[in-house]
Amino acid sequence: MTMSINLVLLFLLVIIAIAAVTIKDLLSAVILLGAYSFLMALAWVEMQSVDVGFMEATVGAGVTTAFMIAALARTTRWEKK
């Protein structure tokens, strides 16, 4: 059971990372990076490292995503071509 959860988390992490790098809309990229951080927190918890998972969830998925959205609100949303 644990191995299948790890494989699903790894697959989702790779897919989200590729999508976040290739997408043109910056807000969508920030949201995908927040989802990546949340899934990474789940992966840390699955590896029995709850303290690292908790910090990844609070800092990575929470604070960093909020700061990036705040910075994006002060700039343009779309990447220049």
PDB file of N, CA and C in Angstrom:
ATOM      1  N   MET A   1       0.820  -1.194   0.000  1.00  0.00           N
ATOM      2  CA  MET A   1       0.000   0.000   0.000  1.00  0.00           C
ATOM      3  C   MET A   1       0.865   1.259   0.000  1.00  0.00           C
ATOM      4  N   THR A   2       1.912   1.248   0.803  1.00  0.00           N
ATOM      5  CA  THR A   2       2.767   2.423   0.910  1.00  0.00           C
ATOM      6  C   THR A   2       3.508   2.684  -0.396  1.00  0.00           C
ATOM      7  N   MET A   3       3.940   1.625  -1.053  1.00  0.00           N
ATOM      8  CA  MET A   3       4.674   1.797  -2.302  1.00  0.00           C
ATOM      9  C   MET A   3       3.788   2.397  -3.388  1.00  0.00           C
ATOM     10  N   SER A   4       2.523   2.002  -3.429  1.00  0.00           N
ATOM     11  CA  SER A   4       1.626   2.562  -4.433  1.00  0.00           C
ATOM     12  C   SER A   4       1.341   4.043  -4.166  1.00  0.00           C
ATOM     13  N   ILE A   5       1.230   4.428  -2.899  1.00  0.00           N
ATOM     14  CA  ILE A   5       1.030   5.839  -2.565  1.00  0.00           C
ATOM     15  C   ILE A   5       2.257   6.649  -2.966  1.00  0.00           C
ATOM     16  N   ASN A   6       3.443   6.104  -2.708  1.00  0.00           N
ATOM     17  CA  ASN A   6       4.667   6.802  -3.091  1.00  0.00           C
ATOM     18  C   ASN A   6       4.772   6.963  -4.602  1.00  0.00           C
ATOM     19  N   LEU A   7       4.398   5.949  -5.343  1.00  0.00           N
ATOM     20  CA  LEU A   7       4.459   6.039  -6.804  1.00  0.00           C
ATOM     21  C   LEU A   7       3.453   7.040  -7.350  1.00  0.00           C
ATOM     22  N   VAL A   8       2.265   7.086  -6.775  1.00  0.00           N
ATOM     23  CA  VAL A   8       1.259   8.062  -7.205  1.00  0.00           C
ATOM     24  C   VAL A   8       1.729   9.480  -6.890  1.00  0.00           C
ATOM     25  N   LEU A   9       2.287   9.696  -5.696  1.00  0.00           N
ATOM     26  CA  LEU A   9       2.807  11.010  -5.340  1.00  0.00           C
ATOM     27  C   LEU A   9       3.947  11.422  -6.268  1.00  0.00           C
ATOM     28  N   LEU A  10       4.845  10.514  -6.565  1.00  0.00           N
ATOM     29  CA  LEU A  10       5.955  10.812  -7.465  1.00  0.00           C
ATOM     30  C   LEU A  10       5.452  11.151  -8.857  1.00  0.00           C
ATOM     31  N   PHE A  11       4.492  10.397  -9.356  1.00  0.00           N
ATOM     32  CA  PHE A  11       3.929  10.665 -10.680  1.00  0.00           C
ATOM     33  C   PHE A  11       3.265  12.033 -10.726  1.00  0.00           C
ATOM     34  N   LEU A  12       2.460  12.351  -9.704  1.00  0.00           N
ATOM     35  CA  LEU A  12       1.801  13.656  -9.661  1.00  0.00           C
ATOM     36  C   LEU A  12       2.800  14.804  -9.532  1.00  0.00           C
ATOM     37  N   LEU A  13       3.866  14.599  -8.751  1.00  0.00           N
ATOM     38  CA  LEU A  13       4.886  15.628  -8.612  1.00  0.00           C
ATOM     39  C   LEU A  13       5.573  15.924  -9.944  1.00  0.00           C
ATOM     40  N   VAL A  14       5.877  14.885 -10.694  1.00  0.00           N
ATOM     41  CA  VAL A  14       6.531  15.081 -11.989  1.00  0.00           C
ATOM     42  C   VAL A  14       5.595  15.787 -12.963  1.00  0.00           C
ATOM     43  N   ILE A  15       4.344  15.385 -13.010  1.00  0.00           N
ATOM     44  CA  ILE A  15       3.383  15.998 -13.929  1.00  0.00           C
ATOM     45  C   ILE A  15       3.168  17.471 -13.583  1.00  0.00           C
ATOM     46  N   ILE A  16       3.003  17.782 -12.306  1.00  0.00           N
ATOM     47  CA  ILE A  16       2.781  19.172 -11.895  1.00  0.00           C
ATOM     48  C   ILE A  16       4.021  20.017 -12.148  1.00  0.00           C
ATOM     49  N   ALA A  17       5.208  19.462 -11.916  1.00  0.00           N
ATOM     50  CA  ALA A  17       6.437  20.220 -12.168  1.00  0.00           C
ATOM     51  C   ALA A  17       6.588  20.551 -13.648  1.00  0.00           C
ATOM     52  N   ILE A  18       6.305  19.606 -14.512  1.00  0.00           N
ATOM     53  CA  ILE A  18       6.393  19.855 -15.954  1.00  0.00           C
ATOM     54  C   ILE A  18       5.351  20.881 -16.380  1.00  0.00           C
ATOM     55  N   ALA A  19       4.153  20.764 -15.842  1.00  0.00           N
ATOM     56  CA  ALA A  19       3.089  21.717 -16.192  1.00  0.00           C
ATOM     57  C   ALA A  19       3.418  23.124 -15.702  1.00  0.00           C
ATOM     58  N   ALA A  20       3.990  23.248 -14.511  1.00  0.00           N
ATOM     59  CA  ALA A  20       4.315  24.569 -13.964  1.00  0.00           C
ATOM     60  C   ALA A  20       5.411  25.253 -14.767  1.00  0.00           C
ATOM     61  N   VAL A  21       6.319  24.490 -15.324  1.00  0.00           N
ATOM     62  CA  VAL A  21       7.418  25.075 -16.094  1.00  0.00           C
ATOM     63  C   VAL A  21       6.972  25.460 -17.501  1.00  0.00           C
ATOM     64  N   THR A  22       6.063  24.702 -18.072  1.00  0.00           N
ATOM     65  CA  THR A  22       5.691  24.936 -19.469  1.00  0.00           C
ATOM     66  C   THR A  22       4.509  25.875 -19.661  1.00  0.00           C
ATOM     67  N   ILE A  23       3.749  26.172 -18.623  1.00  0.00           N
ATOM     68  CA  ILE A  23       2.550  26.987 -18.783  1.00  0.00           C
ATOM     69  C   ILE A  23       2.932  28.458 -18.971  1.00  0.00           C
ATOM     70  N   LYS A  24       2.152  29.185 -19.765  1.00  0.00           N
ATOM     71  CA  LYS A  24       2.446  30.585 -20.066  1.00  0.00           C
ATOM     72  C   LYS A  24       1.799  31.561 -19.086  1.00  0.00           C
ATOM     73  N   ASP A  25       0.662  31.211 -18.508  1.00  0.00           N
ATOM     74  CA  ASP A  25      -0.035  32.081 -17.559  1.00  0.00           C
ATOM     75  C   ASP A  25       0.681  32.019 -16.210  1.00  0.00           C
ATOM     76  N   LEU A  26       1.156  33.159 -15.728  1.00  0.00           N
ATOM     77  CA  LEU A  26       1.954  33.180 -14.507  1.00  0.00           C
ATOM     78  C   LEU A  26       1.143  32.855 -13.262  1.00  0.00           C
ATOM     79  N   LEU A  27      -0.124  33.259 -13.212  1.00  0.00           N
ATOM     80  CA  LEU A  27      -0.956  32.913 -12.059  1.00  0.00           C
ATOM     81  C   LEU A  27      -1.175  31.407 -11.975  1.00  0.00           C
ATOM     82  N   SER A  28      -1.402  30.781 -13.101  1.00  0.00           N
ATOM     83  CA  SER A  28      -1.559  29.332 -13.119  1.00  0.00           C
ATOM     84  C   SER A  28      -0.272  28.631 -12.696  1.00  0.00           C
ATOM     85  N   ALA A  29       0.859  29.181 -13.099  1.00  0.00           N
ATOM     86  CA  ALA A  29       2.144  28.606 -12.698  1.00  0.00           C
ATOM     87  C   ALA A  29       2.343  28.708 -11.192  1.00  0.00           C
ATOM     88  N   VAL A  30       1.953  29.831 -10.600  1.00  0.00           N
ATOM     89  CA  VAL A  30       2.071  29.998  -9.150  1.00  0.00           C
ATOM     90  C   VAL A  30       1.159  29.024  -8.423  1.00  0.00           C
ATOM     91  N   ILE A  31      -0.049  28.848  -8.921  1.00  0.00           N
ATOM     92  CA  ILE A  31      -0.982  27.899  -8.293  1.00  0.00           C
ATOM     93  C   ILE A  31      -0.458  26.472  -8.412  1.00  0.00           C
ATOM     94  N   LEU A  32       0.108  26.138  -9.557  1.00  0.00           N
ATOM     95  CA  LEU A  32       0.682  24.806  -9.721  1.00  0.00           C
ATOM     96  C   LEU A  32       1.882  24.595  -8.803  1.00  0.00           C
ATOM     97  N   LEU A  33       2.686  25.613  -8.605  1.00  0.00           N
ATOM     98  CA  LEU A  33       3.812  25.482  -7.682  1.00  0.00           C
ATOM     99  C   LEU A  33       3.338  25.332  -6.238  1.00  0.00           C
ATOM    100  N   GLY A  34       2.221  25.975  -5.888  1.00  0.00           N
ATOM    101  CA  GLY A  34       1.642  25.765  -4.567  1.00  0.00           C
ATOM    102  C   GLY A  34       1.136  24.333  -4.397  1.00  0.00           C
ATOM    103  N   ALA A  35       0.511  23.806  -5.451  1.00  0.00           N
ATOM    104  CA  ALA A  35       0.064  22.410  -5.408  1.00  0.00           C
ATOM    105  C   ALA A  35       1.254  21.460  -5.324  1.00  0.00           C
ATOM    106  N   TYR A  36       2.342  21.804  -6.022  1.00  0.00           N
ATOM    107  CA  TYR A  36       3.557  21.000  -5.956  1.00  0.00           C
ATOM    108  C   TYR A  36       4.099  20.969  -4.524  1.00  0.00           C
ATOM    109  N   SER A  37       4.116  22.112  -3.865  1.00  0.00           N
ATOM    110  CA  SER A  37       4.603  22.177  -2.487  1.00  0.00           C
ATOM    111  C   SER A  37       3.713  21.369  -1.548  1.00  0.00           C
ATOM    112  N   PHE A  38       2.402  21.430  -1.785  1.00  0.00           N
ATOM    113  CA  PHE A  38       1.488  20.651  -0.940  1.00  0.00           C
ATOM    114  C   PHE A  38       1.702  19.145  -1.135  1.00  0.00           C
ATOM    115  N   LEU A  39       1.864  18.716  -2.387  1.00  0.00           N
ATOM    116  CA  LEU A  39       2.123  17.294  -2.628  1.00  0.00           C
ATOM    117  C   LEU A  39       3.488  16.880  -2.085  1.00  0.00           C
ATOM    118  N   MET A  40       4.443  17.785  -2.120  1.00  0.00           N
ATOM    119  CA  MET A  40       5.750  17.488  -1.549  1.00  0.00           C
ATOM    120  C   MET A  40       5.649  17.337  -0.034  1.00  0.00           C
ATOM    121  N   ALA A  41       4.773  18.135   0.593  1.00  0.00           N
ATOM    122  CA  ALA A  41       4.536  17.983   2.031  1.00  0.00           C
ATOM    123  C   ALA A  41       3.922  16.619   2.329  1.00  0.00           C
ATOM    124  N   LEU A  42       2.995  16.184   1.483  1.00  0.00           N
ATOM    125  CA  LEU A  42       2.421  14.844   1.665  1.00  0.00           C
ATOM    126  C   LEU A  42       3.473  13.757   1.486  1.00  0.00           C
ATOM    127  N   ALA A  43       4.386  13.968   0.551  1.00  0.00           N
ATOM    128  CA  ALA A  43       5.460  12.986   0.343  1.00  0.00           C
ATOM    129  C   ALA A  43       6.376  12.926   1.566  1.00  0.00           C
ATOM    130  N   TRP A  44       6.683  14.080   2.164  1.00  0.00           N
ATOM    131  CA  TRP A  44       7.511  14.073   3.366  1.00  0.00           C
ATOM    132  C   TRP A  44       6.813  13.357   4.515  1.00  0.00           C
ATOM    133  N   VAL A  45       5.521  13.580   4.663  1.00  0.00           N
ATOM    134  CA  VAL A  45       4.777  12.903   5.731  1.00  0.00           C
ATOM    135  C   VAL A  45       4.730  11.399   5.469  1.00  0.00           C
ATOM    136  N   GLU A  46       4.585  11.022   4.220  1.00  0.00           N
ATOM    137  CA  GLU A  46       4.566   9.600   3.869  1.00  0.00           C
ATOM    138  C   GLU A  46       5.909   8.930   4.176  1.00  0.00           C
ATOM    139  N   MET A  47       6.989   9.705   4.107  1.00  0.00           N
ATOM    140  CA  MET A  47       8.326   9.173   4.420  1.00  0.00           C
ATOM    141  C   MET A  47       8.660   9.273   5.907  1.00  0.00           C
ATOM    142  N   GLN A  48       7.633   9.497   6.729  1.00  0.00           N
ATOM    143  CA  GLN A  48       7.752   9.544   8.191  1.00  0.00           C
ATOM    144  C   GLN A  48       8.588  10.727   8.674  1.00  0.00           C
ATOM    145  N   SER A  49       8.571  11.814   7.944  1.00  0.00           N
ATOM    146  CA  SER A  49       9.261  13.031   8.357  1.00  0.00           C
ATOM    147  C   SER A  49       8.216  14.140   8.508  1.00  0.00           C
ATOM    148  N   VAL A  50       7.468  14.051   9.585  1.00  0.00           N
ATOM    149  CA  VAL A  50       6.319  14.922   9.780  1.00  0.00           C
ATOM    150  C   VAL A  50       6.737  16.369   9.991  1.00  0.00           C
ATOM    151  N   ASP A  51       7.856  16.599  10.678  1.00  0.00           N
ATOM    152  CA  ASP A  51       8.279  17.972  10.923  1.00  0.00           C
ATOM    153  C   ASP A  51       8.671  18.686   9.635  1.00  0.00           C
ATOM    154  N   VAL A  52       9.347  17.996   8.736  1.00  0.00           N
ATOM    155  CA  VAL A  52       9.709  18.593   7.446  1.00  0.00           C
ATOM    156  C   VAL A  52       8.455  18.790   6.593  1.00  0.00           C
ATOM    157  N   GLY A  53       7.538  17.837   6.637  1.00  0.00           N
ATOM    158  CA  GLY A  53       6.280  17.971   5.912  1.00  0.00           C
ATOM    159  C   GLY A  53       5.447  19.136   6.395  1.00  0.00           C
ATOM    160  N   PHE A  54       5.428  19.346   7.711  1.00  0.00           N
ATOM    161  CA  PHE A  54       4.685  20.477   8.274  1.00  0.00           C
ATOM    162  C   PHE A  54       5.286  21.804   7.827  1.00  0.00           C
ATOM    163  N   MET A  55       6.595  21.905   7.845  1.00  0.00           N
ATOM    164  CA  MET A  55       7.251  23.141   7.415  1.00  0.00           C
ATOM    165  C   MET A  55       7.063  23.366   5.914  1.00  0.00           C
ATOM    166  N   GLU A  56       7.098  22.308   5.126  1.00  0.00           N
ATOM    167  CA  GLU A  56       6.857  22.450   3.684  1.00  0.00           C
ATOM    168  C   GLU A  56       5.434  22.928   3.423  1.00  0.00           C
ATOM    169  N   ALA A  57       4.494  22.428   4.196  1.00  0.00           N
ATOM    170  CA  ALA A  57       3.101  22.849   4.014  1.00  0.00           C
ATOM    171  C   ALA A  57       2.903  24.306   4.401  1.00  0.00           C
ATOM    172  N   THR A  58       3.496  24.726   5.500  1.00  0.00           N
ATOM    173  CA  THR A  58       3.288  26.106   5.946  1.00  0.00           C
ATOM    174  C   THR A  58       4.078  27.105   5.123  1.00  0.00           C
ATOM    175  N   VAL A  59       5.351  26.832   4.910  1.00  0.00           N
ATOM    176  CA  VAL A  59       6.198  27.786   4.190  1.00  0.00           C
ATOM    177  C   VAL A  59       6.040  27.638   2.684  1.00  0.00           C
ATOM    178  N   GLY A  60       6.162  26.421   2.178  1.00  0.00           N
ATOM    179  CA  GLY A  60       6.132  26.204   0.735  1.00  0.00           C
ATOM    180  C   GLY A  60       4.764  26.417   0.126  1.00  0.00           C
ATOM    181  N   ALA A  61       3.765  25.741   0.660  1.00  0.00           N
ATOM    182  CA  ALA A  61       2.432  25.825   0.068  1.00  0.00           C
ATOM    183  C   ALA A  61       1.660  27.049   0.558  1.00  0.00           C
ATOM    184  N   GLY A  62       1.976  27.535   1.721  1.00  0.00           N
ATOM    185  CA  GLY A  62       1.205  28.643   2.274  1.00  0.00           C
ATOM    186  C   GLY A  62       1.815  30.008   2.040  1.00  0.00           C
ATOM    187  N   VAL A  63       2.904  30.286   2.714  1.00  0.00           N
ATOM    188  CA  VAL A  63       3.487  31.624   2.711  1.00  0.00           C
ATOM    189  C   VAL A  63       4.089  31.975   1.354  1.00  0.00           C
ATOM    190  N   THR A  64       4.858  31.063   0.775  1.00  0.00           N
ATOM    191  CA  THR A  64       5.503  31.355  -0.508  1.00  0.00           C
ATOM    192  C   THR A  64       4.478  31.583  -1.607  1.00  0.00           C
ATOM    193  N   THR A  65       3.432  30.783  -1.633  1.00  0.00           N
ATOM    194  CA  THR A  65       2.386  30.970  -2.638  1.00  0.00           C
ATOM    195  C   THR A  65       1.685  32.311  -2.447  1.00  0.00           C
ATOM    196  N   ALA A  66       1.423  32.679  -1.211  1.00  0.00           N
ATOM    197  CA  ALA A  66       0.788  33.976  -0.952  1.00  0.00           C
ATOM    198  C   ALA A  66       1.694  35.133  -1.380  1.00  0.00           C
ATOM    199  N   PHE A  67       2.987  35.035  -1.104  1.00  0.00           N
ATOM    200  CA  PHE A  67       3.923  36.079  -1.521  1.00  0.00           C
ATOM    201  C   PHE A  67       4.023  36.168  -3.035  1.00  0.00           C
ATOM    202  N   MET A  68       4.043  35.026  -3.713  1.00  0.00           N
ATOM    203  CA  MET A  68       4.125  35.051  -5.174  1.00  0.00           C
ATOM    204  C   MET A  68       2.862  35.641  -5.790  1.00  0.00           C
ATOM    205  N   ILE A  69       1.707  35.343  -5.235  1.00  0.00           N
ATOM    206  CA  ILE A  69       0.469  35.925  -5.748  1.00  0.00           C
ATOM    207  C   ILE A  69       0.439  37.424  -5.480  1.00  0.00           C
ATOM    208  N   ALA A  70       0.938  37.854  -4.325  1.00  0.00           N
ATOM    209  CA  ALA A  70       1.004  39.286  -4.027  1.00  0.00           C
ATOM    210  C   ALA A  70       1.966  40.003  -4.974  1.00  0.00           C
ATOM    211  N   ALA A  71       3.086  39.387  -5.279  1.00  0.00           N
ATOM    212  CA  ALA A  71       4.025  39.988  -6.229  1.00  0.00           C
ATOM    213  C   ALA A  71       3.443  40.005  -7.633  1.00  0.00           C
ATOM    214  N   LEU A  72       2.700  38.977  -7.981  1.00  0.00           N
ATOM    215  CA  LEU A  72       2.084  38.909  -9.304  1.00  0.00           C
ATOM    216  C   LEU A  72       0.977  39.944  -9.448  1.00  0.00           C
ATOM    217  N   ALA A  73       0.332  40.293  -8.350  1.00  0.00           N
ATOM    218  CA  ALA A  73      -0.712  41.319  -8.394  1.00  0.00           C
ATOM    219  C   ALA A  73      -0.134  42.683  -8.739  1.00  0.00           C
ATOM    220  N   ARG A  74       1.142  42.892  -8.458  1.00  0.00           N
ATOM    221  CA  ARG A  74       1.794  44.166  -8.759  1.00  0.00           C
ATOM    222  C   ARG A  74       2.438  44.187 -10.141  1.00  0.00           C
ATOM    223  N   THR A  75       2.416  43.077 -10.843  1.00  0.00           N
ATOM    224  CA  THR A  75       3.022  43.002 -12.172  1.00  0.00           C
ATOM    225  C   THR A  75       1.972  42.544 -13.168  1.00  0.00           C
ATOM    226  N   THR A  76       2.412  42.244 -14.398  1.00  0.00           N
ATOM    227  CA  THR A  76       1.487  41.716 -15.399  1.00  0.00           C
ATOM    228  C   THR A  76       1.302  40.224 -15.187  1.00  0.00           C
ATOM    229  N   ARG A  77       0.155  39.741 -15.596  1.00  0.00           N
ATOM    230  CA  ARG A  77      -0.172  38.343 -15.357  1.00  0.00           C
ATOM    231  C   ARG A  77       0.409  37.429 -16.411  1.00  0.00           C
ATOM    232  N   TRP A  78       0.540  37.908 -17.627  1.00  0.00           N
ATOM    233  CA  TRP A  78       0.960  37.046 -18.731  1.00  0.00           C
ATOM    234  C   TRP A  78       2.425  37.268 -19.044  1.00  0.00           C
ATOM    235  N   GLU A  79       3.093  36.209 -19.419  1.00  0.00           N
ATOM    236  CA  GLU A  79       4.490  36.269 -19.825  1.00  0.00           C
ATOM    237  C   GLU A  79       4.588  36.942 -21.186  1.00  0.00           C
ATOM    238  N   LYS A  80       5.596  37.780 -21.386  1.00  0.00           N
ATOM    239  CA  LYS A  80       5.783  38.424 -22.675  1.00  0.00           C
ATOM    240  C   LYS A  80       6.315  37.414 -23.670  1.00  0.00           C
ATOM    241  N   LYS A  81       5.822  37.534 -24.910  1.00  0.00           N
ATOM    242  CA  LYS A  81       6.248  36.578 -25.951  1.00  0.00           C
ATOM    243  C   LYS A  81       7.432  37.084 -26.701  1.00  0.00           C
TER     244      LYS A  81
END
